[in-house]
């Protein structure tokens, strides 16, 4: 009798612990998070290649891309999610990068060629400290 009770309790606890590690519930949490935004979710493929569960928290990698477009052309976001009230909710978001970036040395698809090395500064390249005059003492 006791063995049966202990076994039933163990199975119940194991099932409860596995219940919160459901990727379909994670996916629904991501979709719920996106529903409040002006996105056409129906026109996107949303893949969840990675979920790392840590109790009632999860680190989730989500890849978004327009339907019919190669996975390399998508955008990857990392979500930190937390389970509360039986639902997974997004706590924070981190952009992990956009697909389709040009490889180094690839011509600019928008024309105009490559930017000059000093294009980041309106005054040209910054001189090295050795090239600067000594600072005046006050």
N, C-alpha and C. Protein backbone atom coordinates (compact mmCIF):
# COMPACT_ATOMS: atom_id res chain seq x y z
N UNK A 1 0.83 -1.19 0.00
CA UNK A 1 0.00 0.00 0.00
C UNK A 1 0.87 1.25 0.00
N UNK A 2 1.85 1.29 0.90
CA UNK A 2 2.73 2.46 0.97
C UNK A 2 3.54 2.62 -0.30
N UNK A 3 4.01 1.52 -0.85
CA UNK A 3 4.80 1.58 -2.07
C UNK A 3 3.97 2.15 -3.22
N UNK A 4 2.74 1.73 -3.31
CA UNK A 4 1.85 2.25 -4.35
C UNK A 4 1.61 3.75 -4.19
N UNK A 5 1.43 4.20 -2.96
CA UNK A 5 1.23 5.63 -2.69
C UNK A 5 2.46 6.43 -3.06
N UNK A 6 3.63 5.94 -2.65
CA UNK A 6 4.89 6.63 -2.96
C UNK A 6 5.10 6.68 -4.47
N UNK A 7 4.83 5.59 -5.15
CA UNK A 7 4.97 5.55 -6.61
C UNK A 7 4.00 6.53 -7.28
N UNK A 8 2.76 6.55 -6.82
CA UNK A 8 1.77 7.47 -7.38
C UNK A 8 2.17 8.93 -7.13
N UNK A 9 2.67 9.21 -5.93
CA UNK A 9 3.12 10.57 -5.62
C UNK A 9 4.29 10.97 -6.50
N UNK A 10 5.23 10.06 -6.68
CA UNK A 10 6.39 10.32 -7.54
C UNK A 10 5.96 10.62 -8.96
N UNK A 11 5.07 9.81 -9.50
CA UNK A 11 4.59 10.01 -10.87
C UNK A 11 3.84 11.33 -11.00
N UNK A 12 3.06 11.68 -10.00
CA UNK A 12 2.32 12.94 -10.04
C UNK A 12 3.27 14.13 -10.02
N UNK A 13 4.26 14.08 -9.16
CA UNK A 13 5.24 15.17 -9.10
C UNK A 13 6.05 15.26 -10.38
N UNK A 14 6.42 14.13 -10.93
CA UNK A 14 7.16 14.13 -12.19
C UNK A 14 6.31 14.71 -13.31
N UNK A 15 5.05 14.35 -13.37
CA UNK A 15 4.16 14.87 -14.40
C UNK A 15 3.97 16.37 -14.26
N UNK A 16 3.85 16.84 -13.02
CA UNK A 16 3.69 18.29 -12.80
C UNK A 16 4.94 19.03 -13.23
N UNK A 17 6.10 18.47 -12.94
CA UNK A 17 7.35 19.13 -13.32
C UNK A 17 7.51 19.16 -14.83
N UNK A 18 7.14 18.10 -15.52
CA UNK A 18 7.23 18.04 -16.97
C UNK A 18 6.17 18.92 -17.62
N UNK A 19 5.07 19.17 -16.93
CA UNK A 19 3.98 19.95 -17.49
C UNK A 19 4.41 21.36 -17.83
N UNK A 20 5.31 21.94 -17.05
CA UNK A 20 5.72 23.30 -17.34
C UNK A 20 6.82 23.35 -18.38
N UNK A 21 7.34 22.19 -18.81
CA UNK A 21 8.37 22.15 -19.83
C UNK A 21 7.77 21.76 -21.17
N UNK A 22 6.74 22.47 -21.56
CA UNK A 22 6.00 22.17 -22.77
C UNK A 22 6.30 23.25 -23.80
N UNK A 23 6.94 22.86 -24.91
CA UNK A 23 7.30 23.87 -25.91
C UNK A 23 6.07 24.46 -26.60
N UNK A 24 4.96 23.70 -26.65
CA UNK A 24 3.76 24.29 -27.25
C UNK A 24 3.21 25.41 -26.35
N UNK A 25 3.36 25.28 -25.04
CA UNK A 25 2.95 26.35 -24.12
C UNK A 25 3.88 27.55 -24.27
N UNK A 26 5.17 27.30 -24.50
CA UNK A 26 6.13 28.38 -24.75
C UNK A 26 5.74 29.10 -26.04
N UNK A 27 5.45 28.35 -27.08
CA UNK A 27 5.04 28.94 -28.37
C UNK A 27 3.80 29.82 -28.20
N UNK A 28 2.83 29.32 -27.43
CA UNK A 28 1.61 30.10 -27.19
C UNK A 28 1.94 31.39 -26.44
N UNK A 29 2.87 31.32 -25.49
CA UNK A 29 3.29 32.53 -24.77
C UNK A 29 3.93 33.55 -25.70
N UNK A 30 4.73 33.08 -26.65
CA UNK A 30 5.34 33.99 -27.64
C UNK A 30 4.25 34.60 -28.51
N UNK A 31 3.30 33.79 -28.98
CA UNK A 31 2.21 34.31 -29.81
C UNK A 31 1.35 35.31 -29.03
N UNK A 32 1.08 35.02 -27.76
CA UNK A 32 0.33 35.97 -26.93
C UNK A 32 1.08 37.29 -26.81
N UNK A 33 2.39 37.20 -26.66
CA UNK A 33 3.22 38.41 -26.55
C UNK A 33 3.15 39.23 -27.84
N UNK A 34 3.14 38.55 -28.98
CA UNK A 34 3.12 39.25 -30.27
C UNK A 34 1.74 39.78 -30.63
N UNK A 35 0.70 39.24 -30.02
CA UNK A 35 -0.67 39.62 -30.40
C UNK A 35 -0.96 41.09 -30.12
N UNK A 36 -0.29 41.70 -29.19
CA UNK A 36 -0.51 43.11 -28.88
C UNK A 36 0.25 44.06 -29.79
N UNK A 37 0.94 43.52 -30.76
CA UNK A 37 1.73 44.35 -31.67
C UNK A 37 1.10 44.34 -33.05
N UNK A 38 1.48 45.29 -33.86
CA UNK A 38 0.89 45.37 -35.20
C UNK A 38 1.69 44.51 -36.18
N UNK A 39 1.70 43.21 -35.93
CA UNK A 39 2.39 42.27 -36.80
C UNK A 39 1.38 41.32 -37.42
N UNK A 40 1.62 40.94 -38.66
CA UNK A 40 0.79 39.93 -39.31
C UNK A 40 1.44 38.57 -39.05
N UNK A 41 1.14 37.99 -37.90
CA UNK A 41 1.74 36.73 -37.49
C UNK A 41 1.37 35.61 -38.46
N UNK A 42 0.22 35.70 -39.08
CA UNK A 42 -0.21 34.66 -40.03
C UNK A 42 0.68 34.61 -41.26
N UNK A 43 1.38 35.69 -41.57
CA UNK A 43 2.26 35.75 -42.73
C UNK A 43 3.69 35.36 -42.40
N UNK A 44 3.93 34.92 -41.15
CA UNK A 44 5.28 34.58 -40.72
C UNK A 44 5.40 33.11 -40.34
N UNK A 45 6.58 32.57 -40.56
CA UNK A 45 6.94 31.28 -39.99
C UNK A 45 7.67 31.59 -38.70
N UNK A 46 7.26 30.96 -37.62
CA UNK A 46 7.86 31.18 -36.31
C UNK A 46 8.38 29.83 -35.82
N UNK A 47 9.71 29.74 -35.71
CA UNK A 47 10.34 28.51 -35.25
C UNK A 47 10.97 28.74 -33.89
N UNK A 48 10.93 27.72 -33.06
CA UNK A 48 11.55 27.77 -31.73
C UNK A 48 12.60 26.66 -31.69
N UNK A 49 13.84 26.98 -32.11
CA UNK A 49 14.86 25.94 -32.19
C UNK A 49 15.46 25.56 -30.84
N UNK A 50 15.29 26.41 -29.82
CA UNK A 50 15.94 26.12 -28.55
C UNK A 50 15.13 26.66 -27.37
N UNK A 51 14.93 25.79 -26.37
CA UNK A 51 14.31 26.19 -25.11
C UNK A 51 15.13 25.58 -23.99
N UNK A 52 15.55 26.42 -23.05
CA UNK A 52 16.27 25.93 -21.88
C UNK A 52 15.43 26.26 -20.66
N UNK A 53 14.87 25.23 -20.05
CA UNK A 53 14.02 25.40 -18.88
C UNK A 53 14.86 25.45 -17.62
N UNK A 54 14.46 26.32 -16.70
CA UNK A 54 15.09 26.41 -15.39
C UNK A 54 13.96 26.66 -14.39
N UNK A 55 13.26 25.59 -14.02
CA UNK A 55 12.13 25.73 -13.11
C UNK A 55 10.99 26.46 -13.77
N UNK A 56 10.57 27.59 -13.19
CA UNK A 56 9.47 28.37 -13.77
C UNK A 56 9.97 29.44 -14.72
N UNK A 57 11.24 29.36 -15.13
CA UNK A 57 11.82 30.31 -16.09
C UNK A 57 12.35 29.54 -17.28
N UNK A 58 12.45 30.22 -18.41
CA UNK A 58 12.97 29.58 -19.62
C UNK A 58 13.65 30.62 -20.49
N UNK A 59 14.76 30.22 -21.10
CA UNK A 59 15.43 31.02 -22.12
C UNK A 59 15.06 30.40 -23.46
N UNK A 60 14.47 31.21 -24.32
CA UNK A 60 13.87 30.71 -25.55
C UNK A 60 14.48 31.44 -26.75
N UNK A 61 14.88 30.69 -27.76
CA UNK A 61 15.35 31.26 -29.02
C UNK A 61 14.24 31.10 -30.04
N UNK A 62 13.86 32.21 -30.67
CA UNK A 62 12.76 32.21 -31.64
C UNK A 62 13.27 32.81 -32.95
N UNK A 63 12.97 32.14 -34.06
CA UNK A 63 13.35 32.64 -35.38
C UNK A 63 12.07 33.03 -36.12
N UNK A 64 12.02 34.27 -36.59
CA UNK A 64 10.88 34.81 -37.34
C UNK A 64 11.33 35.03 -38.78
N UNK A 65 10.46 34.68 -39.72
CA UNK A 65 10.76 34.98 -41.13
C UNK A 65 9.44 34.99 -41.91
N UNK A 66 9.38 35.76 -42.98
CA UNK A 66 8.18 35.74 -43.81
C UNK A 66 8.00 34.35 -44.41
N UNK A 67 6.75 33.93 -44.57
CA UNK A 67 6.48 32.61 -45.15
C UNK A 67 7.11 32.51 -46.53
N UNK A 68 7.72 31.36 -46.80
CA UNK A 68 8.33 31.12 -48.10
C UNK A 68 9.74 31.64 -48.25
N UNK A 69 10.30 32.22 -47.21
CA UNK A 69 11.65 32.78 -47.27
C UNK A 69 12.59 31.82 -46.54
N UNK A 70 13.82 31.72 -47.01
CA UNK A 70 14.80 30.84 -46.39
C UNK A 70 15.06 31.23 -44.94
N UNK A 71 15.37 30.23 -44.13
CA UNK A 71 15.61 30.46 -42.70
C UNK A 71 16.73 31.46 -42.47
N UNK A 72 17.71 31.50 -43.38
CA UNK A 72 18.83 32.44 -43.21
C UNK A 72 18.40 33.89 -43.38
N UNK A 73 17.21 34.13 -43.90
CA UNK A 73 16.71 35.49 -44.10
C UNK A 73 15.85 35.95 -42.93
N UNK A 74 15.78 35.17 -41.88
CA UNK A 74 14.93 35.51 -40.75
C UNK A 74 15.60 36.38 -39.71
N UNK A 75 14.88 36.61 -38.65
CA UNK A 75 15.37 37.39 -37.53
C UNK A 75 15.28 36.51 -36.29
N UNK A 76 16.33 36.51 -35.49
CA UNK A 76 16.37 35.69 -34.29
C UNK A 76 16.25 36.57 -33.06
N UNK A 77 15.33 36.21 -32.17
CA UNK A 77 15.17 36.89 -30.89
C UNK A 77 15.32 35.88 -29.78
N UNK A 78 15.86 36.34 -28.67
CA UNK A 78 15.91 35.51 -27.47
C UNK A 78 14.95 36.10 -26.46
N UNK A 79 14.09 35.25 -25.93
CA UNK A 79 13.13 35.67 -24.94
C UNK A 79 13.47 35.02 -23.60
N UNK A 80 13.37 35.80 -22.55
CA UNK A 80 13.38 35.24 -21.21
C UNK A 80 11.91 35.19 -20.80
N UNK A 81 11.45 33.99 -20.45
CA UNK A 81 10.04 33.80 -20.13
C UNK A 81 9.90 33.25 -18.73
N UNK A 82 8.73 33.49 -18.15
CA UNK A 82 8.44 33.00 -16.81
C UNK A 82 7.03 32.44 -16.80
N UNK A 83 6.87 31.34 -16.08
CA UNK A 83 5.56 30.73 -15.96
C UNK A 83 4.86 31.30 -14.74
N UNK A 84 3.65 31.77 -14.95
CA UNK A 84 2.83 32.26 -13.83
C UNK A 84 1.38 31.98 -14.17
N UNK A 85 0.67 31.46 -13.21
CA UNK A 85 -0.74 31.14 -13.42
C UNK A 85 -0.95 30.09 -14.50
N UNK A 86 0.00 29.18 -14.67
CA UNK A 86 -0.14 28.14 -15.67
C UNK A 86 0.16 28.58 -17.09
N UNK A 87 0.61 29.83 -17.28
CA UNK A 87 0.92 30.36 -18.62
C UNK A 87 2.33 30.89 -18.64
N UNK A 88 2.97 30.77 -19.79
CA UNK A 88 4.30 31.34 -19.99
C UNK A 88 4.16 32.76 -20.53
N UNK A 89 4.87 33.70 -19.92
CA UNK A 89 4.84 35.09 -20.37
C UNK A 89 6.26 35.58 -20.62
N UNK A 90 6.39 36.49 -21.57
CA UNK A 90 7.69 37.06 -21.91
C UNK A 90 8.05 38.09 -20.86
N UNK A 91 9.25 37.95 -20.29
CA UNK A 91 9.75 38.88 -19.29
C UNK A 91 10.67 39.91 -19.95
N UNK A 92 11.53 39.44 -20.85
CA UNK A 92 12.42 40.36 -21.56
C UNK A 92 12.80 39.77 -22.91
N UNK A 93 13.27 40.64 -23.80
CA UNK A 93 13.62 40.27 -25.17
C UNK A 93 15.00 40.78 -25.49
N UNK A 94 15.75 39.97 -26.24
CA UNK A 94 17.07 40.38 -26.71
C UNK A 94 17.18 40.02 -28.17
N UNK A 95 17.59 40.97 -29.00
CA UNK A 95 17.79 40.73 -30.43
C UNK A 95 19.08 39.94 -30.60
N UNK A 96 18.99 38.79 -31.23
CA UNK A 96 20.17 37.95 -31.45
C UNK A 96 20.73 38.11 -32.84
N UNK A 97 20.11 38.89 -33.66
CA UNK A 97 20.66 39.13 -34.99
C UNK A 97 19.64 38.93 -36.07
N UNK A 98 19.97 39.46 -37.21
CA UNK A 98 19.11 39.37 -38.38
C UNK A 98 19.84 38.53 -39.41
N UNK A 99 19.11 37.68 -40.08
CA UNK A 99 19.69 36.88 -41.14
C UNK A 99 19.88 37.73 -42.38
N UNK A 100 20.54 37.17 -43.34
CA UNK A 100 20.68 37.86 -44.62
C UNK A 100 21.77 38.90 -44.64
N UNK A 101 22.62 38.95 -43.63
CA UNK A 101 23.70 39.91 -43.64
C UNK A 101 24.69 39.52 -44.71
N UNK A 102 25.22 40.50 -45.40
CA UNK A 102 26.18 40.24 -46.46
C UNK A 102 27.50 39.78 -45.88
N UNK A 103 28.13 38.87 -46.57
CA UNK A 103 29.45 38.39 -46.15
C UNK A 103 30.47 39.49 -46.39
N UNK A 104 31.56 39.52 -45.60
CA UNK A 104 32.59 40.54 -45.82
C UNK A 104 33.11 40.48 -47.26
N UNK A 105 33.28 41.64 -47.86
CA UNK A 105 33.78 41.73 -49.22
C UNK A 105 32.68 41.67 -50.27
N UNK A 106 31.44 41.44 -49.85
CA UNK A 106 30.33 41.39 -50.79
C UNK A 106 29.92 42.82 -51.13
N UNK A 107 29.68 43.12 -52.41
CA UNK A 107 29.28 44.48 -52.77
C UNK A 107 27.96 44.88 -52.11
N UNK A 108 27.82 46.17 -51.86
CA UNK A 108 26.62 46.71 -51.25
C UNK A 108 25.45 46.52 -52.21
N UNK A 109 24.38 45.80 -51.81
CA UNK A 109 23.26 45.58 -52.73
C UNK A 109 22.46 46.84 -53.02
N UNK A 110 22.68 47.89 -52.26
CA UNK A 110 21.96 49.14 -52.44
C UNK A 110 22.73 50.12 -53.31
N UNK A 111 23.86 49.68 -53.84
CA UNK A 111 24.66 50.54 -54.70
C UNK A 111 25.55 51.46 -53.89
N UNK A 112 26.35 52.25 -54.58
CA UNK A 112 27.20 53.22 -53.90
C UNK A 112 28.53 52.66 -53.45
N UNK A 113 28.74 51.38 -53.54
CA UNK A 113 30.03 50.81 -53.15
C UNK A 113 30.23 50.85 -51.66
N UNK A 114 31.44 50.54 -51.26
CA UNK A 114 31.77 50.49 -49.84
C UNK A 114 31.96 51.89 -49.28
N UNK A 115 31.71 52.05 -48.00
CA UNK A 115 31.93 53.33 -47.34
C UNK A 115 33.41 53.50 -47.04
N UNK A 116 33.91 54.73 -47.06
CA UNK A 116 35.31 54.93 -46.70
C UNK A 116 35.53 54.61 -45.22
N UNK A 117 36.76 54.26 -44.83
CA UNK A 117 37.01 53.88 -43.44
C UNK A 117 36.63 54.94 -42.43
N UNK A 118 36.69 56.22 -42.78
CA UNK A 118 36.41 57.28 -41.82
C UNK A 118 34.97 57.76 -41.89
N UNK A 119 34.09 57.01 -42.53
CA UNK A 119 32.71 57.46 -42.72
C UNK A 119 31.96 57.60 -41.40
N UNK A 120 32.41 56.94 -40.34
CA UNK A 120 31.73 57.02 -39.06
C UNK A 120 31.91 58.36 -38.39
N UNK A 121 32.94 59.13 -38.77
CA UNK A 121 33.22 60.41 -38.13
C UNK A 121 33.11 61.53 -39.17
N UNK A 122 32.39 62.60 -38.88
CA UNK A 122 32.28 63.70 -39.85
C UNK A 122 33.58 64.45 -40.02
N UNK A 123 34.56 64.23 -39.14
CA UNK A 123 35.82 64.97 -39.20
C UNK A 123 36.96 64.10 -39.70
N UNK A 124 36.68 62.94 -40.23
CA UNK A 124 37.71 62.05 -40.72
C UNK A 124 38.17 61.09 -39.64
N UNK A 125 39.29 60.42 -39.90
CA UNK A 125 39.81 59.43 -38.97
C UNK A 125 40.37 60.12 -37.73
N UNK A 126 40.23 59.49 -36.60
CA UNK A 126 40.75 60.03 -35.34
C UNK A 126 42.27 59.80 -35.29
N UNK A 127 43.04 60.83 -34.95
CA UNK A 127 44.50 60.64 -34.89
C UNK A 127 44.88 59.77 -33.69
N UNK A 128 46.04 59.16 -33.79
CA UNK A 128 46.53 58.36 -32.66
C UNK A 128 47.01 59.32 -31.57
N UNK A 129 47.07 58.90 -30.32
CA UNK A 129 47.50 59.77 -29.22
C UNK A 129 48.91 60.32 -29.42
N UNK A 130 49.77 59.56 -30.09
CA UNK A 130 51.14 60.03 -30.32
C UNK A 130 51.19 61.23 -31.27
N UNK A 131 50.18 61.37 -32.13
CA UNK A 131 50.14 62.46 -33.10
C UNK A 131 49.55 63.75 -32.53
N UNK A 132 49.01 63.72 -31.33
CA UNK A 132 48.38 64.88 -30.71
C UNK A 132 49.42 65.74 -30.00
N UNK A 133 49.23 67.07 -29.98
CA UNK A 133 50.16 67.94 -29.23
C UNK A 133 49.97 67.72 -27.74
N UNK A 134 50.99 68.05 -26.96
CA UNK A 134 50.85 67.88 -25.50
C UNK A 134 49.76 68.80 -24.97
N UNK A 135 49.07 68.35 -23.93
CA UNK A 135 48.00 69.14 -23.33
C UNK A 135 48.61 70.29 -22.53
N UNK A 136 47.97 71.44 -22.64
CA UNK A 136 48.44 72.62 -21.91
C UNK A 136 48.03 72.49 -20.45
N UNK A 137 48.94 72.89 -19.54
CA UNK A 137 48.63 72.85 -18.12
C UNK A 137 47.88 74.11 -17.74
N UNK A 138 46.91 73.97 -16.84
CA UNK A 138 46.09 75.11 -16.41
C UNK A 138 46.59 75.65 -15.12
